[in-house]
Structure formats: C-alpha cells, structure tokens
C-alpha cells in the first residue's frame, strides 16, 4: 500500500511539474525561475539539470506463487523497510509498483548510482528479490536530477502511512 501511495504521489508530482513547465514556457525572461546552483549541486545535476541513474525493473520471480501467508507478509515488510532505508540513504531516488500488465513487470527502482553493478548490489539487499518473489533487470538511465527531491517532497505531502 505504501508503494501505491508513493506512486500516486509521484504521478501527482509529475503532473504538477509538467504543468509548471508549461506555465514557465510562456513566462518572460524576467519571470522565469532562476538557476539554483546549490540545489543543482545537492541533487548532482549537470549544467542541463540531468544526471545518471540506473533503472531496475522488478519482474515476477520463480518462487512468487509458492511463498504465501505470514512468510510472504514478513518478506514484504522487509521489502518496504529496505526501500525506506535505501531512500533515506540517498541511494534510491524512486520506487513503485506497476499496474496489471502482460509482461510480468511488478515494480521499479531508480537507483542514484552510476553503474549497473552498483544498482544490482543494492537491489540484492531486497528480501523479496533474495526470496525469489522478484527477479530484476537493470539498465543505465539518464534523467532529471530533480528526481532526487521526490523523496523529500513525498514525505512532506504524506498525511498517513499505511
């Protein structure tokens, strides 16, 4: 449920950023937001406000159907705790589940690391991956450094935690 809330919040944040960008495009030079070098450095952005990440797709694993009940509940408690820990450490920029799909995609991680090897090492700390509920695929991804502000923003807009 926490992941669902997080993804919903991310979608809302994404829509707000898109709307803001649309509004900014019509502003005069004097009205446009100014470059914030401190923020850019804090988020690790280049001159274009971008940075390297690694995208990890979590897919249904070979043991998903065979792990049930309290064992599964405990694994997913650990899964959620691991997501929180990695986010608090600044290593995980974003995590969330996918909706129903025909590709066995279950969720994603966007890691704040430069190499796939680093991301795989972090992903393997997930109890659900260790248990075989999920398997993973990873690829480098280049995106907005502002993504590093999502976790902080999410905490500020979260009223309740499931």
Protein backbone atom coordinates (compact mmCIF):
# COMPACT_ATOMS: atom_id res chain seq x y z
CA UNK A 1 0.00 0.00 0.00
CA UNK A 2 2.90 2.36 0.78
CA UNK A 3 4.28 1.82 -2.71
CA UNK A 4 0.87 2.51 -4.26
CA UNK A 5 0.63 5.75 -2.25
CA UNK A 6 4.16 6.65 -3.31
CA UNK A 7 3.42 6.07 -7.00
CA UNK A 8 0.20 8.08 -6.80
CA UNK A 9 2.10 10.91 -5.13
CA UNK A 10 4.78 10.67 -7.83
CA UNK A 11 2.14 10.89 -10.57
CA UNK A 12 0.64 13.95 -8.93
CA UNK A 13 4.09 15.48 -8.55
CA UNK A 14 4.88 14.68 -12.19
CA UNK A 15 1.67 16.33 -13.35
CA UNK A 16 2.47 19.38 -11.24
CA UNK A 17 5.99 19.59 -12.67
CA UNK A 18 4.60 19.25 -16.21
CA UNK A 19 2.01 21.96 -15.58
CA UNK A 20 4.66 24.19 -14.05
CA UNK A 21 6.92 23.65 -17.06
CA UNK A 22 4.07 24.58 -19.39
CA UNK A 23 3.42 27.76 -17.40
CA UNK A 24 7.14 28.60 -17.29
CA UNK A 25 7.42 28.28 -21.08
CA UNK A 26 5.12 31.28 -21.52
CA UNK A 27 6.92 33.50 -18.98
CA UNK A 28 9.18 36.37 -19.97
CA UNK A 29 12.90 36.17 -19.16
CA UNK A 30 12.38 38.30 -16.03
CA UNK A 31 9.64 35.98 -14.73
CA UNK A 32 11.38 32.61 -15.25
CA UNK A 33 12.76 30.80 -12.19
CA UNK A 34 16.44 31.40 -11.67
CA UNK A 35 19.08 28.70 -11.72
CA UNK A 36 19.80 27.40 -8.22
CA UNK A 37 23.42 26.23 -8.23
CA UNK A 38 23.23 24.99 -4.64
CA UNK A 39 20.22 22.81 -5.42
CA UNK A 40 21.77 21.55 -8.66
CA UNK A 41 24.92 20.52 -6.76
CA UNK A 42 22.88 18.94 -3.95
CA UNK A 43 20.98 16.81 -6.46
CA UNK A 44 24.10 16.06 -8.53
CA UNK A 45 22.83 17.64 -11.73
CA UNK A 46 24.96 18.63 -14.69
CA UNK A 47 24.60 22.02 -16.43
CA UNK A 48 21.37 20.77 -18.03
CA UNK A 49 19.96 19.59 -14.69
CA UNK A 50 20.42 15.93 -15.62
CA UNK A 51 22.30 13.00 -14.08
CA UNK A 52 22.95 9.28 -14.40
CA UNK A 53 20.81 6.71 -12.61
CA UNK A 54 20.17 3.01 -13.02
CA UNK A 55 16.63 1.80 -13.72
CA UNK A 56 15.79 -1.61 -12.27
CA UNK A 57 12.64 -3.45 -13.31
CA UNK A 58 11.28 -5.97 -10.80
CA UNK A 59 9.56 -8.89 -12.52
CA UNK A 60 7.65 -11.86 -11.15
CA UNK A 61 10.18 -14.38 -9.88
CA UNK A 62 10.19 -18.18 -9.91
CA UNK A 63 9.12 -18.51 -6.25
CA UNK A 64 6.38 -15.87 -6.25
CA UNK A 65 3.44 -18.31 -6.31
CA UNK A 66 4.92 -20.66 -3.71
CA UNK A 67 5.52 -18.10 -0.95
CA UNK A 68 2.35 -17.34 0.98
CA UNK A 69 0.87 -16.34 4.32
CA UNK A 70 2.94 -14.92 7.15
CA UNK A 71 6.21 -15.78 5.40
CA UNK A 72 5.19 -13.60 2.44
CA UNK A 73 3.95 -10.85 4.78
CA UNK A 74 7.31 -10.76 6.58
CA UNK A 75 9.23 -10.70 3.30
CA UNK A 76 7.17 -7.73 2.09
CA UNK A 77 7.64 -5.90 5.41
CA UNK A 78 11.36 -6.29 4.81
CA UNK A 79 10.93 -5.21 1.19
CA UNK A 80 9.23 -1.98 2.28
CA UNK A 81 11.77 -1.36 5.07
CA UNK A 82 14.59 -1.83 2.58
CA UNK A 83 13.02 0.68 0.19
CA UNK A 84 12.74 3.21 3.04
CA UNK A 85 16.34 2.61 4.13
CA UNK A 86 17.76 3.00 0.62
CA UNK A 87 15.70 6.15 0.09
CA UNK A 88 16.84 7.64 3.40
CA UNK A 89 20.45 6.88 2.45
CA UNK A 90 20.00 8.75 -0.85
CA UNK A 91 20.70 5.62 -2.89
CA UNK A 92 17.14 5.11 -4.15
CA UNK A 93 15.55 8.01 -6.00
CA UNK A 94 12.23 6.34 -6.72
CA UNK A 95 10.38 3.05 -6.23
CA UNK A 96 6.90 1.91 -7.03
CA UNK A 97 4.70 -0.86 -8.38
CA UNK A 98 3.33 -1.26 -11.87
CA UNK A 99 -0.33 -1.83 -12.55
CA UNK A 100 -1.57 -5.04 -14.14
CA UNK A 101 0.35 -5.85 -17.30
CA UNK A 102 1.17 -8.79 -19.56
CA UNK A 103 4.96 -8.54 -19.15
CA UNK A 104 5.25 -9.80 -15.54
CA UNK A 105 6.51 -6.35 -14.54
CA UNK A 106 5.87 -5.81 -10.84
CA UNK A 107 7.72 -2.63 -9.96
CA UNK A 108 10.69 -0.40 -10.50
CA UNK A 109 13.61 1.11 -8.69
CA UNK A 110 15.57 4.10 -9.91
CA UNK A 111 18.90 3.99 -8.12
CA UNK A 112 21.07 7.04 -7.59
CA UNK A 113 24.22 5.26 -8.76
CA UNK A 114 26.36 5.39 -11.88
CA UNK A 115 26.77 1.71 -12.70
CA UNK A 116 24.54 -1.29 -13.16
CA UNK A 117 26.86 -3.28 -10.87
CA UNK A 118 26.23 -0.84 -8.00
CA UNK A 119 22.47 -0.99 -8.58
CA UNK A 120 22.43 -4.78 -8.64
CA UNK A 121 24.33 -4.91 -5.36
CA UNK A 122 21.75 -2.58 -3.77
CA UNK A 123 18.79 -4.42 -5.32
CA UNK A 124 20.05 -7.70 -3.93
CA UNK A 125 19.54 -6.34 -0.40
CA UNK A 126 15.77 -6.60 -1.02
CA UNK A 127 14.27 -9.58 0.85
CA UNK A 128 11.70 -10.14 -1.93
CA UNK A 129 14.48 -10.43 -4.51
CA UNK A 130 16.51 -12.71 -2.23
CA UNK A 131 13.44 -14.92 -1.74
CA UNK A 132 12.79 -15.25 -5.49
CA UNK A 133 9.48 -13.38 -5.44
CA UNK A 134 11.07 -10.92 -7.85
CA UNK A 135 13.79 -11.15 -10.46
CA UNK A 136 15.39 -8.00 -11.82
CA UNK A 137 16.64 -6.36 -14.99
CA UNK A 138 18.78 -3.22 -14.88
CA UNK A 139 19.86 -0.58 -17.37
CA UNK A 140 21.56 2.83 -17.17
CA UNK A 141 19.15 5.76 -17.32
CA UNK A 142 19.80 9.49 -17.76
CA UNK A 143 17.15 11.73 -16.23
CA UNK A 144 16.41 14.91 -14.33
CA UNK A 145 18.46 15.44 -11.19
CA UNK A 146 15.27 16.89 -9.68
CA UNK A 147 14.16 13.30 -9.17
CA UNK A 148 16.38 13.35 -6.08
CA UNK A 149 13.88 15.75 -4.50
CA UNK A 150 10.90 13.40 -4.85
CA UNK A 151 11.51 11.55 -1.58
CA UNK A 152 11.71 14.75 0.45
CA UNK A 153 8.61 16.15 -1.25
CA UNK A 154 6.73 12.89 -0.77
CA UNK A 155 7.39 12.96 2.97
CA UNK A 156 6.01 16.50 3.13
CA UNK A 157 2.77 15.59 1.36
CA UNK A 158 2.13 12.23 3.05
CA UNK A 159 -0.53 12.57 5.72
CA UNK A 160 -0.80 8.91 6.68
CA UNK A 161 1.38 5.87 6.13
CA UNK A 162 -0.36 2.54 5.54
